[in-house]
Protein backbone atom coordinates (compact mmCIF):
# COMPACT_ATOMS: atom_id res chain seq x y z
CA MET A 1 -15.17 -4.31 14.37
CA SER A 2 -14.22 -0.68 13.91
CA ASN A 3 -12.10 -0.58 17.07
CA ALA A 4 -10.45 -3.89 16.22
CA ILE A 5 -9.28 -2.62 12.84
CA ASP A 6 -8.39 0.74 14.32
CA SER A 7 -6.17 -0.94 16.90
CA ILE A 8 -3.77 -2.14 14.25
CA LEU A 9 -3.45 1.27 12.73
CA HIS A 10 -2.81 3.55 15.72
CA LEU A 11 -0.34 1.40 17.63
CA GLU A 12 3.01 3.02 18.41
CA TRP A 13 5.30 -0.02 18.33
CA ASP A 14 7.88 -0.11 21.10
CA ALA A 15 8.97 -3.72 21.50
CA LEU A 16 11.76 -3.51 24.05
CA ASP A 17 11.72 -7.24 24.62
CA ILE A 18 10.39 -8.60 21.34
CA PRO A 19 12.29 -7.84 18.11
CA ASN A 20 10.45 -7.35 14.84
CA THR A 21 10.37 -10.52 12.74
CA ASP A 22 9.70 -11.16 9.08
CA HIS A 23 6.81 -13.43 8.21
CA PRO A 24 7.84 -16.29 5.90
CA LEU A 25 5.61 -17.04 2.96
CA ALA A 26 3.88 -20.38 3.32
CA THR A 27 3.71 -23.16 0.75
CA THR A 28 0.32 -23.26 -0.96
CA ARG A 29 -1.23 -24.40 -4.20
CA ARG A 30 -0.98 -20.79 -5.41
CA TYR A 31 2.77 -20.35 -4.93
CA ALA A 32 5.55 -22.87 -5.27
CA VAL A 33 8.19 -22.20 -2.60
CA PRO A 34 11.92 -23.02 -2.88
CA THR A 35 13.71 -25.50 -0.65
CA PRO A 36 17.22 -24.84 0.71
CA GLN A 37 18.58 -27.16 -1.98
CA ASN A 38 17.40 -25.00 -4.89
CA ALA A 39 17.31 -21.58 -3.22
CA GLU A 40 20.62 -20.51 -4.78
CA GLU A 41 19.40 -21.21 -8.33
CA ASN A 42 16.15 -19.44 -7.60
CA ASP A 43 17.81 -16.36 -6.11
CA LYS A 44 20.08 -16.16 -9.15
CA ALA A 45 17.05 -15.81 -11.43
CA TRP A 46 15.57 -13.04 -9.29
CA ASN A 47 18.98 -11.37 -9.29
CA HIS A 48 19.05 -11.43 -13.11
CA LEU A 49 15.60 -9.89 -13.29
CA TYR A 50 16.56 -7.11 -10.88
CA GLY A 51 19.56 -6.25 -13.03
CA ALA A 52 17.46 -6.43 -16.19
CA MET A 53 14.95 -3.94 -14.80
CA ILE A 54 17.71 -1.53 -13.81
CA ALA A 55 19.27 -1.77 -17.26
CA GLY A 56 16.12 -1.99 -19.37
CA LEU A 57 13.83 0.48 -17.64
CA GLY A 58 16.37 2.92 -16.27
CA LEU A 59 15.35 2.35 -12.66
CA LYS A 60 17.85 3.44 -10.01
CA PRO A 61 19.50 0.83 -7.75
CA ASP A 62 19.70 3.40 -4.96
CA SER A 63 15.90 3.55 -4.78
CA PHE A 64 14.35 0.48 -6.48
CA GLN A 65 13.01 -2.65 -4.78
CA LEU A 66 11.74 -5.61 -6.81
CA ASN A 67 8.66 -7.09 -5.10
CA TYR A 68 7.06 -10.50 -4.80
CA PRO A 69 4.57 -12.19 -4.75
CA PHE A 70 2.41 -11.25 -7.75
CA LEU A 71 0.35 -8.12 -7.01
CA THR A 72 -2.45 -6.66 -9.08
CA TRP A 73 -3.13 -2.94 -8.98
CA ASP A 74 -6.91 -2.89 -9.09
CA TRP A 75 -7.77 -0.89 -5.99
CA PRO A 76 -11.29 0.58 -6.15
CA ILE A 77 -11.89 4.30 -6.41
CA THR A 78 -13.36 5.49 -3.12
CA ASN A 79 -15.11 8.70 -2.11
CA VAL A 80 -12.97 11.67 -1.09
CA GLY A 81 -11.67 11.08 2.43
CA TYR A 82 -11.80 7.27 2.15
CA THR A 83 -9.24 4.59 1.24
CA SER A 84 -9.64 0.90 0.42
CA ALA A 85 -8.05 -1.66 2.75
CA ALA A 86 -5.84 -3.03 -0.03
CA GLN A 87 -4.50 0.43 -0.91
CA TYR A 88 -3.82 1.35 2.70
CA ASP A 89 -2.08 -1.94 3.46
CA PHE A 90 0.25 -1.62 0.48
CA CYS A 91 1.09 2.07 0.87
CA ALA A 92 1.56 1.88 4.64
CA THR A 93 3.48 -1.41 5.01
CA ALA A 94 7.18 -0.73 5.51
CA PRO A 95 9.37 -2.43 2.85
CA GLN A 96 11.64 -5.34 3.72
CA PHE A 97 15.25 -4.15 3.94
CA SER A 98 16.30 -6.04 0.81
CA ALA A 99 16.88 -5.19 -2.87
CA THR A 100 14.35 -7.89 -3.80
CA GLY A 101 11.78 -7.99 -1.03
CA ALA A 102 8.61 -9.76 0.05
CA TYR A 103 5.44 -7.75 0.53
CA VAL A 104 3.31 -9.10 3.38
CA SER A 105 0.24 -6.94 4.05
CA SER A 106 0.31 -7.82 7.77
CA GLY A 107 3.79 -6.39 8.16
CA VAL A 108 4.75 -3.40 10.34
CA LYS A 109 3.28 -0.15 9.07
CA PHE A 110 5.48 2.86 8.39
CA ASN A 111 3.18 5.09 10.47
CA ASP A 112 3.49 2.70 13.43
CA ALA A 113 7.29 2.77 13.16
CA TYR A 114 7.12 6.57 13.12
CA GLY A 115 5.00 6.50 16.27
CA GLN A 116 7.61 4.36 17.99
CA VAL A 117 10.35 6.81 17.03
CA LEU A 118 8.38 9.61 18.68
CA ASN A 119 8.19 7.49 21.82
CA VAL A 120 11.95 6.91 22.07
CA VAL A 121 13.03 10.52 21.55
CA ALA A 122 14.32 11.75 24.90
CA ALA A 123 12.20 14.52 26.40
CA ASP A 124 13.97 17.70 27.54
CA THR A 125 13.05 18.68 31.09
CA SER A 126 14.85 20.01 34.14
CA ASP A 127 12.11 18.79 36.47
CA PRO A 128 13.27 15.51 38.10
CA THR A 129 9.74 14.65 39.23
CA LEU A 130 8.37 15.02 35.69
CA GLU A 131 11.29 13.06 34.32
CA GLN A 132 10.52 10.18 36.69
CA LYS A 133 6.83 10.21 35.76
CA ILE A 134 7.73 10.08 32.05
CA SER A 135 10.06 7.13 32.66
CA GLN A 136 7.36 5.24 34.53
CA ALA A 137 4.77 6.03 31.85
CA ARG A 138 7.11 4.72 29.15
CA ASN A 139 7.61 1.45 31.04
CA VAL A 140 3.88 0.95 31.49
CA LEU A 141 3.30 1.69 27.79
CA ASN A 142 6.05 -0.74 26.80
CA ILE A 143 4.39 -3.55 28.76
CA ALA A 144 1.03 -2.89 27.10
CA THR A 145 2.63 -2.55 23.68
CA ASN A 146 4.55 -5.81 24.05
CA ASP A 147 1.31 -7.60 24.95
CA TYR A 148 -0.33 -6.12 21.85
CA LYS A 149 2.58 -7.07 19.61
CA ILE A 150 2.48 -10.70 20.78
CA THR A 151 -1.18 -10.88 19.76
CA TYR A 152 -0.50 -9.03 16.50
CA ASP A 153 2.32 -11.42 15.56
CA GLN A 154 0.10 -14.41 16.31
CA ALA A 155 -2.68 -12.96 14.16
CA SER A 156 -0.21 -12.23 11.38
CA ARG A 157 1.09 -15.80 11.40
CA ALA A 158 -2.47 -17.12 11.25
CA TYR A 159 -3.16 -14.79 8.33
CA VAL A 160 -0.05 -15.80 6.39
CA GLN A 161 -0.74 -19.49 7.00
CA GLU A 162 -4.30 -19.19 5.73
CA THR A 163 -3.52 -17.03 2.71
CA GLY A 164 -0.16 -18.58 1.87
CA GLY A 165 1.53 -15.19 1.65
CA THR A 166 -0.60 -14.17 -1.34
CA ASN A 167 -1.95 -11.03 0.37
CA ASP A 168 -5.40 -12.07 -0.87
CA PRO A 169 -7.39 -10.81 0.90
CA PRO A 170 -5.23 -8.03 2.41
CA PHE A 171 -4.70 -8.28 6.15
CA LEU A 172 -7.18 -5.62 7.24
CA LYS A 173 -9.91 -7.12 5.07
CA TRP A 174 -9.10 -10.59 6.46
CA LEU A 175 -9.73 -9.29 9.98
CA GLY A 176 -13.34 -8.74 8.96
CA SER A 177 -13.70 -12.33 7.79
CA PHE A 178 -14.87 -15.33 9.80
CA SER A 179 -11.27 -16.50 10.30
CA GLY A 180 -9.97 -13.11 11.37
CA LYS A 181 -12.75 -11.82 13.62
CA SER A 182 -11.52 -13.57 16.77
CA TRP A 183 -8.09 -11.97 16.28
CA ALA A 184 -9.72 -8.59 15.70
CA VAL A 185 -11.51 -8.86 19.06
CA GLN A 186 -8.27 -9.71 20.88
CA LEU A 187 -6.40 -6.91 19.14
CA ASP A 188 -9.12 -4.44 20.02
CA ALA A 189 -8.97 -5.34 23.70
CA ALA A 190 -5.16 -5.08 23.80
CA ASP A 191 -5.19 -1.82 21.90
CA LYS A 192 -7.56 -0.11 24.33
CA THR A 193 -4.94 -0.62 27.02
CA VAL A 194 -2.16 0.66 24.77
CA GLN A 195 -4.06 3.80 23.81
CA ALA A 196 -4.88 4.61 27.43
CA LYS A 197 -1.19 4.35 28.39
CA GLN A 198 -0.18 6.35 25.33
CA ARG A 199 -2.46 9.23 26.31
CA VAL A 200 -0.85 9.38 29.75
CA LEU A 201 2.63 9.56 28.23
CA ASN A 202 1.61 12.17 25.66
CA GLN A 203 0.20 14.39 28.38
CA LEU A 204 3.45 14.22 30.32
CA LEU A 205 5.54 14.86 27.21
CA SER A 206 3.47 17.98 26.47
CA GLU A 207 5.00 19.50 29.62
CA THR A 208 8.55 19.16 28.24
CA SER A 209 10.44 21.46 25.90
CA THR A 210 12.09 19.09 23.39
CA PRO A 211 12.25 21.09 20.12
CA GLY A 212 9.59 19.88 17.70
CA LEU A 213 8.54 16.79 19.67
CA ASN A 214 5.21 18.09 20.96
CA ASP A 215 4.27 19.39 17.52
CA ALA A 216 5.18 16.05 15.92
CA ILE A 217 3.09 14.13 18.47
CA ALA A 218 0.16 16.50 17.93
CA ARG A 219 0.31 16.14 14.15
CA TYR A 220 0.58 12.35 14.40
CA GLY A 221 -2.67 12.22 16.34
CA THR A 222 -4.59 14.81 14.33
CA LYS A 223 -7.57 13.08 12.71
CA ASP A 224 -7.76 15.76 10.01
CA TYR A 225 -4.67 14.08 8.53
CA TYR A 226 -6.30 10.64 8.56
CA THR A 227 -8.49 8.86 6.02
CA LEU A 228 -11.36 6.43 6.56
CA LEU A 229 -11.13 2.79 5.51
CA GLN A 230 -13.87 1.80 3.09
CA ASP A 231 -14.28 -1.89 2.38
CA PRO A 232 -17.31 -4.21 2.05
CA SER A 233 -15.86 -6.51 4.73
CA LEU A 234 -15.75 -3.75 7.36
CA SER A 235 -18.80 -2.89 9.42
CA SER A 236 -17.78 0.76 9.79
CA PHE A 237 -15.17 3.26 8.59
CA PRO A 238 -12.17 3.32 10.97
CA ALA A 239 -9.73 6.22 10.68
CA VAL A 240 -6.17 5.48 9.52
CA PRO A 241 -3.14 7.69 8.78
CA GLY A 242 -3.50 8.94 5.23
CA TYR A 243 -1.19 8.26 2.27
CA SER A 244 -1.52 9.98 -1.09
CA LEU A 245 -1.27 8.21 -4.45
CA GLY A 246 -0.11 9.99 -7.58
CA MET A 247 -2.85 8.40 -9.68
CA ASP A 248 -5.52 5.75 -9.22
CA ALA A 249 -5.44 2.51 -11.21
CA THR A 250 -8.55 3.26 -13.27
CA THR A 251 -7.27 6.66 -14.43
CA TRP A 252 -3.85 5.22 -15.27
CA LEU A 253 -5.33 2.40 -17.35
CA GLN A 254 -7.60 4.83 -19.18
CA LYS A 255 -4.58 6.96 -20.07
CA VAL A 256 -2.59 3.93 -21.18
CA GLN A 257 -5.41 2.63 -23.38
CA ALA A 258 -5.83 6.12 -24.86
CA GLY A 259 -2.12 6.23 -25.66
CA THR A 260 -1.39 9.11 -23.28
CA GLY A 261 -0.06 7.27 -20.24
CA GLY A 262 2.95 5.14 -19.35
CA SER A 263 5.81 4.11 -21.60
CA SER A 264 6.48 0.91 -23.49
CA GLY A 265 9.40 -1.11 -22.18
CA GLN A 266 11.47 -4.24 -22.59
CA ILE A 267 13.77 -6.22 -20.34
CA GLY A 268 15.81 -9.33 -21.01
CA PHE A 269 18.35 -11.66 -19.42
CA SER A 270 19.87 -15.12 -19.72
CA ASN A 271 20.91 -17.85 -17.32
CA SER A 272 24.50 -17.58 -18.50
CA GLN A 273 25.01 -13.89 -17.73
CA ALA A 274 26.91 -12.58 -14.72
CA GLU A 275 24.95 -11.85 -11.57
CA TYR A 276 23.98 -8.29 -10.72
CA ASP A 277 26.02 -6.76 -7.91
CA TYR A 278 23.52 -6.16 -5.11
CA SER A 279 26.13 -4.15 -3.21
CA LYS A 280 25.30 -1.31 -5.63
CA THR A 281 21.75 -1.15 -4.31
CA TRP A 282 20.29 0.90 -1.49
CA ALA A 283 20.09 -2.23 0.70
CA LYS A 284 23.66 -3.33 -0.14
CA GLY A 285 22.32 -6.88 -0.52
CA SER A 286 19.23 -9.04 -0.89
CA ALA A 287 17.54 -11.65 1.27
CA SER A 288 16.78 -15.08 -0.18
CA VAL A 289 13.50 -15.00 -2.12
CA GLY A 290 10.58 -17.04 -0.80
CA ASN A 291 8.81 -17.79 -4.10
CA PHE A 292 10.02 -19.76 -7.12
CA PHE A 293 10.99 -17.57 -10.04
CA TRP A 294 9.84 -20.09 -12.68
CA SER A 295 6.46 -21.72 -12.04
CA VAL A 296 3.78 -23.41 -14.13
CA ASN A 297 0.15 -24.02 -13.22
CA VAL A 298 -0.81 -27.63 -13.92
CA GLY A 299 -4.11 -29.00 -12.65
CA GLY A 300 -4.67 -25.95 -10.45
CA SER A 301 -1.32 -26.25 -8.62
CA TRP A 302 1.80 -24.15 -9.13
CA GLU A 303 5.07 -26.04 -9.41
CA ARG A 304 8.66 -25.22 -10.23
CA ILE A 305 9.83 -25.35 -13.85
CA ASP A 306 13.04 -27.31 -13.42
CA GLU A 307 13.87 -27.16 -17.12
CA PHE A 308 14.17 -23.35 -17.03
CA SER A 309 16.05 -23.06 -13.75
CA THR A 310 18.93 -25.29 -14.87
CA ASP A 311 19.12 -24.57 -18.62
CA ASN A 312 22.26 -22.58 -19.40
CA SER A 313 20.89 -21.80 -22.86
CA LEU A 314 17.82 -19.99 -21.53
CA GLU A 315 17.20 -16.47 -22.78
CA VAL A 316 14.10 -14.53 -21.76
CA SER A 317 12.59 -11.22 -22.73
CA VAL A 318 9.55 -9.46 -21.28
CA ASN A 319 7.85 -6.57 -23.06
CA PHE A 320 5.35 -4.15 -21.55
CA GLU A 321 2.61 -2.39 -23.43
CA ALA A 322 3.09 0.27 -20.75
CA TRP A 323 4.90 0.79 -17.47
CA ASP A 324 5.18 3.72 -15.07
CA THR A 325 6.15 4.89 -11.59
CA ILE A 326 3.28 6.10 -9.40
CA SER A 327 4.15 8.28 -6.39
CA ILE A 328 3.20 7.39 -2.80
CA GLY A 329 3.35 10.04 -0.08
CA ALA A 330 2.77 10.08 3.68
CA GLY A 331 0.14 12.58 4.84
CA LEU A 332 0.62 15.60 7.08
CA TRP A 333 0.55 13.34 10.16
CA TYR A 334 4.20 12.62 9.27
CA ASN A 335 6.80 15.26 10.13
CA GLY A 336 9.84 14.37 8.04
CA ALA A 337 11.70 17.50 9.09
CA PHE A 338 11.48 16.45 12.74
CA VAL A 339 12.71 12.94 11.87
CA ASN A 340 15.75 14.48 10.17
CA SER A 341 16.35 16.80 13.11
CA VAL A 342 16.72 13.87 15.52
CA SER A 343 18.93 11.76 13.27
CA GLU A 344 21.49 11.56 16.08
CA GLY A 345 19.01 11.73 18.95
CA PRO A 346 18.75 12.31 21.80
CA PHE A 347 17.04 8.98 22.52
CA ILE A 348 15.99 7.31 25.74
CA ARG A 349 18.31 4.81 27.45
CA GLY A 350 18.75 1.60 25.47
CA TYR A 351 18.41 3.27 22.06
CA SER A 352 20.92 4.96 19.78
CA ALA A 353 20.90 6.18 16.20
CA TYR A 354 22.46 3.03 14.65
CA GLY A 355 22.74 0.55 17.50
CA ALA A 356 26.11 1.50 18.98
CA GLY A 357 27.33 -0.35 22.05
CA GLY A 358 24.68 -3.02 21.94
CA SER A 359 21.79 -0.54 22.10
CA LYS A 360 18.75 -0.83 19.88
CA ALA A 361 19.01 1.04 16.60
CA VAL A 362 16.51 3.71 15.64
CA TRP A 363 17.69 3.95 12.00
CA GLY A 364 19.52 1.62 9.62
CA PRO A 365 18.86 -1.97 8.48
CA ASN A 366 17.88 -3.18 11.96
CA GLY A 367 16.35 0.06 13.16
CA ILE A 368 12.83 0.95 14.19
CA MET A 369 12.36 3.06 11.08
CA ASN A 370 14.58 2.66 8.04
CA VAL A 371 12.76 2.59 4.68
CA GLN A 372 9.84 4.62 3.35
CA LYS A 373 7.85 3.82 0.20
CA VAL A 374 7.74 6.85 -2.07
CA GLY A 375 6.44 5.17 -5.23
CA MET A 376 5.48 1.95 -6.97
CA VAL A 377 6.49 0.56 -10.35
CA VAL A 378 3.50 -0.71 -12.33
CA CYS A 379 2.97 -2.26 -15.75
CA TYR A 380 0.22 -3.34 -18.16
CA LYS A 381 -0.05 -6.23 -20.61
CA PRO A 382 3.40 -7.85 -20.31
CA SER A 383 4.33 -10.38 -22.99
CA PHE A 384 7.10 -12.96 -22.80
CA SER A 385 9.48 -14.93 -24.98
CA ILE A 386 11.51 -17.78 -23.49
CA LYS A 387 14.16 -19.44 -25.66
CA VAL A 388 15.67 -22.67 -24.31
CA SER A 389 17.77 -25.65 -25.39
CA SER A 390 16.14 -28.34 -27.50
CA SER A 391 16.15 -30.78 -24.58
CA ALA A 392 14.49 -28.26 -22.23
CA PHE A 393 11.95 -27.40 -24.93
CA SER A 394 11.07 -31.04 -25.46
CA SER A 395 10.82 -31.73 -21.73
CA PHE A 396 8.65 -28.72 -20.86
CA SER A 397 6.38 -28.96 -23.92
CA ARG A 398 4.25 -31.59 -22.24
CA LYS A 399 3.43 -29.29 -19.34
CA TRP A 400 3.03 -26.32 -21.67
CA GLU A 401 0.27 -28.07 -23.55
CA VAL A 402 -1.86 -28.48 -20.42
CA SER A 403 -0.76 -25.44 -18.41
CA ALA A 404 -3.22 -22.84 -17.16
CA GLY A 405 -0.55 -20.25 -16.47
CA VAL A 406 3.14 -19.43 -16.24
CA ARG A 407 4.99 -17.23 -13.76
CA ILE A 408 8.21 -15.40 -14.50
CA GLY A 409 9.24 -13.79 -11.23
CA PRO A 410 6.43 -11.35 -10.33
CA PHE A 411 4.78 -11.68 -13.75
CA ASP A 412 1.66 -13.83 -13.79
CA PHE A 413 0.58 -15.02 -17.23
CA THR A 414 -2.77 -16.79 -17.36
CA GLY A 415 -4.07 -18.64 -20.38
CA GLY A 416 -3.34 -21.98 -21.97
CA GLY A 417 -0.38 -23.60 -23.63
CA GLY A 418 -0.60 -22.67 -27.25
CA SER A 419 -4.40 -22.52 -27.30
CA SER A 420 -6.11 -20.34 -29.88
CA SER A 421 -8.00 -18.47 -27.15
CA SER A 422 -4.84 -17.25 -25.43
CA GLY A 423 -2.63 -16.83 -28.46
CA TRP A 424 0.32 -18.51 -26.75
CA THR A 425 2.77 -20.37 -28.95
CA ALA A 426 5.45 -23.03 -28.68
CA ASP A 427 7.82 -22.84 -31.65
CA SER A 428 9.87 -26.03 -32.03
CA ALA A 429 11.92 -24.48 -34.83
CA THR A 430 13.40 -21.89 -32.47
CA ASN A 431 12.78 -23.70 -29.13
CA THR A 432 10.79 -20.71 -27.95
CA PHE A 433 7.70 -20.36 -25.77
CA SER A 434 5.86 -17.04 -26.02
CA GLY A 435 2.63 -15.39 -24.94
CA THR A 436 0.91 -12.26 -23.70
CA SER A 437 -0.98 -11.58 -20.50
CA THR A 438 -4.73 -11.61 -20.99
CA ALA A 439 -5.39 -9.61 -17.79
CA GLU A 440 -6.91 -6.15 -18.13
CA THR A 441 -5.54 -4.98 -14.78
CA ALA A 442 -2.20 -3.39 -13.96
CA LEU A 443 0.55 -5.25 -12.10
CA ILE A 444 2.77 -3.91 -9.30
CA LEU A 445 6.38 -4.94 -9.96
CA GLY A 446 8.18 -3.08 -7.22
CA THR A 447 8.53 0.04 -5.17
CA THR A 448 10.74 3.08 -5.11
CA ILE A 449 12.02 3.83 -1.64
CA ALA A 450 13.77 6.49 0.40
CA LEU A 451 16.13 5.58 3.22
CA VAL A 452 15.28 7.29 6.51
CA ASN A 453 18.39 8.89 8.02
CA PRO A 454 20.96 6.55 6.38
CA GLU A 455 24.24 6.18 8.27
């Protein structure tokens, strides 16, 4: 099991023949998913929330990404030198290139993208024999890597289908489950071939004189800069590239509850307001969102709230008892200075900085490596107030009375419609539904990002 998990973490992606693909979120009882017919309405609501968070919380459009689906920040505290699977998956997974983006824990890892960049930097040598050997070694590695990536993509699709895109359990933990073990075995076998071919290439590259490349490769493979995965589902403790976190969830919650952590906040928007201009964001746009913005849990199933999506009178506000930005940093295995030094190359044939002349891009929206997570936006105890038209209030009240939860974008409110235990209310005098989250865990709303060598 250790090698199978490890295989996912040390792979240097180099898919010359197979482009990276996003993994769509599947329809499940836990998440209602838009159809093409109502995608525009749904995306408009997510757009309004993005703008509200920029305006209400002072987040910066040049570095903020709004995330979905709902994510709790309840990662366990591990011993020094260890990291939980959920924490590693979130910190390492490269963000979707979109202002509002999906988080899928089986996505491409930032450290893997970095490894691929190291493999496409052209080596400097005047020895034609060595140059030929390096070219052959790259080709052999590419074949092995492509075989691995096919298996990885198949495993990822199986994971998303089973979990419905909920990231529960996270991908690495799922590989230790009954459903994931067969994929882990296949990945382990494919990875052994990849790692053998990678060692051959690294040895040849060590004989070249490309400034900084050998040092970057050495640091990337130094286990002193790795952490060990610690999770009950894993039979051992595989080593993975380390990422630092500014504060753990338990410490942050303790500070918040003591009144010394986070800041209170409020955001609000309406269906009638103008849409936020995504061209002002770091991504210059946003992909269509795969989860409904307005959902209600009735009888254990999540379904769209049509009354809210189409009501031009709707006004919503969300208050936070506390919110904060927690830093995320790549460990010393990552050499950012070297990445900056090769912003224009040189790269091996078929690759260029931004995809000029039909070559494959190293940086930019379609590049190997484009976005790095440098932080996450978290909150605690959100409360909501939704004011609607009298007709929408009357129509939704029936579901409100029997609901077990309401979702507003990434916010997940559990409880009951107006029950005394939850403290939720439905005020017919003002046509307003309101309530407060009963969860005692923090919620991840989004990430702060840094563009890698933007054009």
